[in-house]
Amino acid sequence: MRIKFSEDVVPLADLKVNPGRVVKHVTDAHRAVLLTSRGRGVAVVQSVADYEKTEEERAFLRGVVAGLADLEERREMSLAEAKRRLSLE
């Protein structure tokens, strides 16, 4: 999700005038919009669906990184041991 500066940078005043247009844009384009005030970035608007997807991807990647770190530190167990500890046998 890369910002297209020609489309995705919106002055705060434009949001105040037509918030529906900004919401429709982030929903349709699946890109966040950078809100600016006096030429400086002040906030980001993103659709809820895209936000949830991003958070799910982050959580998954954190889990993968944690799993790889466990493997490097030799904190691993067999499937049989995991089932026994979780009382799944």
N, C-alpha and C. Protein backbone atom coordinates (compact mmCIF):
# COMPACT_ATOMS: atom_id res chain seq x y z
N MET A 1 0.85 -1.17 0.00
CA MET A 1 0.00 0.00 0.00
C MET A 1 0.90 1.23 0.00
N ARG A 2 1.12 1.77 -1.16
CA ARG A 2 1.94 2.96 -1.29
C ARG A 2 1.05 4.17 -1.47
N ILE A 3 1.45 5.27 -0.88
CA ILE A 3 0.69 6.51 -1.02
C ILE A 3 0.95 7.09 -2.40
N LYS A 4 -0.12 7.49 -3.07
CA LYS A 4 -0.01 8.24 -4.32
C LYS A 4 -0.22 9.70 -3.93
N PHE A 5 0.86 10.44 -3.90
CA PHE A 5 0.78 11.81 -3.41
C PHE A 5 -0.20 12.66 -4.20
N SER A 6 -0.40 12.35 -5.46
CA SER A 6 -1.35 13.13 -6.25
C SER A 6 -2.79 12.87 -5.84
N GLU A 7 -3.06 11.75 -5.16
CA GLU A 7 -4.42 11.39 -4.79
C GLU A 7 -4.64 11.25 -3.29
N ASP A 8 -3.62 10.90 -2.56
CA ASP A 8 -3.79 10.46 -1.18
C ASP A 8 -3.35 11.46 -0.12
N VAL A 9 -3.05 12.67 -0.50
CA VAL A 9 -2.71 13.71 0.46
C VAL A 9 -3.84 14.74 0.40
N VAL A 10 -4.52 14.92 1.53
CA VAL A 10 -5.71 15.76 1.58
C VAL A 10 -5.55 16.80 2.69
N PRO A 11 -5.69 18.06 2.35
CA PRO A 11 -5.67 19.08 3.41
C PRO A 11 -6.85 18.88 4.37
N LEU A 12 -6.62 19.15 5.62
CA LEU A 12 -7.65 19.00 6.64
C LEU A 12 -8.90 19.79 6.28
N ALA A 13 -8.73 20.95 5.68
CA ALA A 13 -9.88 21.77 5.28
C ALA A 13 -10.76 21.03 4.28
N ASP A 14 -10.16 20.24 3.36
CA ASP A 14 -10.95 19.46 2.40
C ASP A 14 -11.76 18.38 3.10
N LEU A 15 -11.18 17.78 4.13
CA LEU A 15 -11.91 16.76 4.90
C LEU A 15 -13.13 17.39 5.57
N LYS A 16 -12.96 18.60 6.09
CA LYS A 16 -14.07 19.28 6.76
C LYS A 16 -15.19 19.60 5.78
N VAL A 17 -14.84 19.95 4.56
CA VAL A 17 -15.83 20.33 3.55
C VAL A 17 -16.57 19.10 3.02
N ASN A 18 -15.83 18.00 2.74
CA ASN A 18 -16.46 16.84 2.13
C ASN A 18 -15.88 15.54 2.70
N PRO A 19 -16.25 15.21 3.93
CA PRO A 19 -15.69 13.99 4.54
C PRO A 19 -16.11 12.72 3.81
N GLY A 20 -17.29 12.72 3.22
CA GLY A 20 -17.76 11.53 2.51
C GLY A 20 -16.87 11.17 1.34
N ARG A 21 -16.34 12.17 0.65
CA ARG A 21 -15.46 11.93 -0.49
C ARG A 21 -14.18 11.25 -0.02
N VAL A 22 -13.64 11.69 1.10
CA VAL A 22 -12.40 11.10 1.62
C VAL A 22 -12.65 9.65 2.06
N VAL A 23 -13.75 9.42 2.75
CA VAL A 23 -14.08 8.06 3.20
C VAL A 23 -14.29 7.13 2.00
N LYS A 24 -14.99 7.60 0.99
CA LYS A 24 -15.19 6.79 -0.22
C LYS A 24 -13.86 6.48 -0.89
N HIS A 25 -12.97 7.47 -0.94
CA HIS A 25 -11.66 7.27 -1.57
C HIS A 25 -10.86 6.19 -0.85
N VAL A 26 -10.77 6.25 0.48
CA VAL A 26 -9.97 5.25 1.20
C VAL A 26 -10.60 3.87 1.09
N THR A 27 -11.92 3.81 1.01
CA THR A 27 -12.60 2.53 0.88
C THR A 27 -12.38 1.93 -0.51
N ASP A 28 -12.52 2.76 -1.53
CA ASP A 28 -12.39 2.27 -2.91
C ASP A 28 -10.93 1.99 -3.30
N ALA A 29 -10.02 2.87 -2.90
CA ALA A 29 -8.62 2.75 -3.32
C ALA A 29 -7.83 1.76 -2.47
N HIS A 30 -8.32 1.42 -1.29
CA HIS A 30 -7.60 0.55 -0.35
C HIS A 30 -6.21 1.12 -0.03
N ARG A 31 -6.16 2.45 0.06
CA ARG A 31 -4.94 3.14 0.48
C ARG A 31 -5.32 4.16 1.54
N ALA A 32 -4.42 4.38 2.46
CA ALA A 32 -4.66 5.40 3.48
C ALA A 32 -4.50 6.79 2.87
N VAL A 33 -5.14 7.77 3.50
CA VAL A 33 -5.03 9.16 3.09
C VAL A 33 -4.29 9.91 4.19
N LEU A 34 -3.32 10.71 3.78
CA LEU A 34 -2.58 11.55 4.72
C LEU A 34 -3.28 12.90 4.80
N LEU A 35 -3.71 13.26 6.00
CA LEU A 35 -4.33 14.57 6.21
C LEU A 35 -3.24 15.56 6.60
N THR A 36 -3.30 16.74 6.00
CA THR A 36 -2.29 17.76 6.28
C THR A 36 -2.93 19.02 6.82
N SER A 37 -2.17 19.75 7.59
CA SER A 37 -2.56 21.06 8.08
C SER A 37 -1.34 21.96 7.92
N ARG A 38 -1.53 23.01 7.14
CA ARG A 38 -0.43 23.94 6.85
C ARG A 38 0.78 23.22 6.24
N GLY A 39 0.47 22.24 5.40
CA GLY A 39 1.53 21.53 4.68
C GLY A 39 2.22 20.42 5.43
N ARG A 40 1.81 20.16 6.65
CA ARG A 40 2.44 19.10 7.45
C ARG A 40 1.44 17.99 7.73
N GLY A 41 1.92 16.78 7.72
CA GLY A 41 1.06 15.63 8.02
C GLY A 41 0.60 15.66 9.46
N VAL A 42 -0.72 15.45 9.67
CA VAL A 42 -1.25 15.48 11.04
C VAL A 42 -2.00 14.19 11.41
N ALA A 43 -2.48 13.46 10.40
CA ALA A 43 -3.24 12.24 10.70
C ALA A 43 -3.34 11.39 9.44
N VAL A 44 -3.75 10.15 9.65
CA VAL A 44 -3.96 9.22 8.54
C VAL A 44 -5.37 8.67 8.66
N VAL A 45 -6.08 8.60 7.54
CA VAL A 45 -7.42 8.01 7.50
C VAL A 45 -7.32 6.72 6.69
N GLN A 46 -7.88 5.66 7.25
CA GLN A 46 -7.81 4.35 6.61
C GLN A 46 -9.15 3.65 6.82
N SER A 47 -9.59 2.85 5.87
CA SER A 47 -10.84 2.13 6.04
C SER A 47 -10.69 1.09 7.16
N VAL A 48 -11.79 0.77 7.80
CA VAL A 48 -11.76 -0.21 8.89
C VAL A 48 -11.31 -1.57 8.37
N ALA A 49 -11.81 -1.97 7.21
CA ALA A 49 -11.43 -3.28 6.65
C ALA A 49 -9.93 -3.36 6.40
N ASP A 50 -9.36 -2.30 5.82
CA ASP A 50 -7.92 -2.30 5.56
C ASP A 50 -7.12 -2.26 6.86
N TYR A 51 -7.61 -1.52 7.85
CA TYR A 51 -6.95 -1.47 9.15
C TYR A 51 -6.93 -2.86 9.80
N GLU A 52 -8.09 -3.53 9.79
CA GLU A 52 -8.16 -4.87 10.40
C GLU A 52 -7.25 -5.85 9.68
N LYS A 53 -7.21 -5.78 8.35
CA LYS A 53 -6.34 -6.66 7.58
C LYS A 53 -4.88 -6.42 7.94
N THR A 54 -4.50 -5.15 8.03
CA THR A 54 -3.13 -4.80 8.38
C THR A 54 -2.76 -5.32 9.77
N GLU A 55 -3.67 -5.16 10.73
CA GLU A 55 -3.41 -5.63 12.09
C GLU A 55 -3.28 -7.15 12.15
N GLU A 56 -4.12 -7.87 11.37
CA GLU A 56 -4.02 -9.33 11.33
C GLU A 56 -2.67 -9.75 10.74
N GLU A 57 -2.23 -9.06 9.68
CA GLU A 57 -0.94 -9.38 9.08
C GLU A 57 0.20 -9.11 10.06
N ARG A 58 0.11 -8.00 10.79
CA ARG A 58 1.15 -7.70 11.79
C ARG A 58 1.21 -8.76 12.88
N ALA A 59 0.03 -9.18 13.36
CA ALA A 59 -0.01 -10.20 14.40
C ALA A 59 0.59 -11.51 13.89
N PHE A 60 0.27 -11.88 12.66
CA PHE A 60 0.83 -13.09 12.07
C PHE A 60 2.35 -13.00 11.98
N LEU A 61 2.84 -11.87 11.47
CA LEU A 61 4.29 -11.70 11.33
C LEU A 61 5.00 -11.70 12.68
N ARG A 62 4.37 -11.10 13.69
CA ARG A 62 4.96 -11.14 15.04
C ARG A 62 5.05 -12.58 15.53
N GLY A 63 4.03 -13.38 15.25
CA GLY A 63 4.04 -14.78 15.64
C GLY A 63 5.14 -15.56 14.94
N VAL A 64 5.33 -15.29 13.66
CA VAL A 64 6.40 -15.95 12.91
C VAL A 64 7.76 -15.57 13.48
N VAL A 65 7.96 -14.28 13.75
CA VAL A 65 9.24 -13.83 14.31
C VAL A 65 9.48 -14.47 15.68
N ALA A 66 8.44 -14.52 16.50
CA ALA A 66 8.57 -15.15 17.82
C ALA A 66 8.91 -16.63 17.68
N GLY A 67 8.27 -17.31 16.73
CA GLY A 67 8.56 -18.72 16.50
C GLY A 67 9.99 -18.95 16.03
N LEU A 68 10.46 -18.09 15.14
CA LEU A 68 11.84 -18.21 14.67
C LEU A 68 12.83 -17.94 15.81
N ALA A 69 12.51 -16.98 16.66
CA ALA A 69 13.38 -16.71 17.81
C ALA A 69 13.40 -17.90 18.75
N ASP A 70 12.25 -18.54 18.96
CA ASP A 70 12.20 -19.73 19.80
C ASP A 70 13.08 -20.84 19.22
N LEU A 71 13.03 -21.01 17.90
CA LEU A 71 13.86 -22.03 17.28
C LEU A 71 15.35 -21.73 17.46
N GLU A 72 15.72 -20.48 17.30
CA GLU A 72 17.13 -20.10 17.47
C GLU A 72 17.59 -20.32 18.91
N GLU A 73 16.72 -20.12 19.87
CA GLU A 73 17.06 -20.30 21.29
C GLU A 73 16.82 -21.73 21.76
N ARG A 74 16.47 -22.58 20.82
CA ARG A 74 16.20 -24.00 21.10
C ARG A 74 15.06 -24.19 22.09
N ARG A 75 14.06 -23.32 22.00
CA ARG A 75 12.85 -23.46 22.82
C ARG A 75 11.77 -24.09 21.94
N GLU A 76 11.90 -25.37 21.73
CA GLU A 76 10.97 -26.09 20.87
C GLU A 76 10.58 -27.39 21.53
N MET A 77 9.49 -27.97 21.05
CA MET A 77 9.06 -29.26 21.58
C MET A 77 8.41 -30.05 20.46
N SER A 78 8.32 -31.32 20.66
CA SER A 78 7.71 -32.18 19.66
C SER A 78 6.19 -31.99 19.68
N LEU A 79 5.54 -32.42 18.61
CA LEU A 79 4.08 -32.35 18.54
C LEU A 79 3.46 -33.19 19.66
N ALA A 80 4.04 -34.33 19.92
CA ALA A 80 3.52 -35.21 20.98
C ALA A 80 3.58 -34.51 22.34
N GLU A 81 4.69 -33.81 22.61
CA GLU A 81 4.84 -33.09 23.88
C GLU A 81 3.83 -31.95 23.97
N ALA A 82 3.63 -31.23 22.87
CA ALA A 82 2.66 -30.13 22.87
C ALA A 82 1.26 -30.66 23.14
N LYS A 83 0.88 -31.77 22.50
CA LYS A 83 -0.44 -32.37 22.74
C LYS A 83 -0.59 -32.81 24.19
N ARG A 84 0.48 -33.39 24.75
CA ARG A 84 0.42 -33.84 26.15
C ARG A 84 0.22 -32.63 27.07
N ARG A 85 0.96 -31.57 26.84
CA ARG A 85 0.84 -30.37 27.70
C ARG A 85 -0.53 -29.70 27.57
N LEU A 86 -1.12 -29.78 26.41
CA LEU A 86 -2.44 -29.17 26.19
C LEU A 86 -3.59 -30.16 26.47
N SER A 87 -3.24 -31.34 26.95
CA SER A 87 -4.22 -32.38 27.26
C SER A 87 -5.08 -32.72 26.04
N LEU A 88 -4.43 -32.88 24.90
CA LEU A 88 -5.16 -33.20 23.66
C LEU A 88 -5.03 -34.66 23.28
N GLU A 89 -4.35 -35.46 24.07
CA GLU A 89 -4.19 -36.87 23.73
C GLU A 89 -5.32 -37.68 24.32
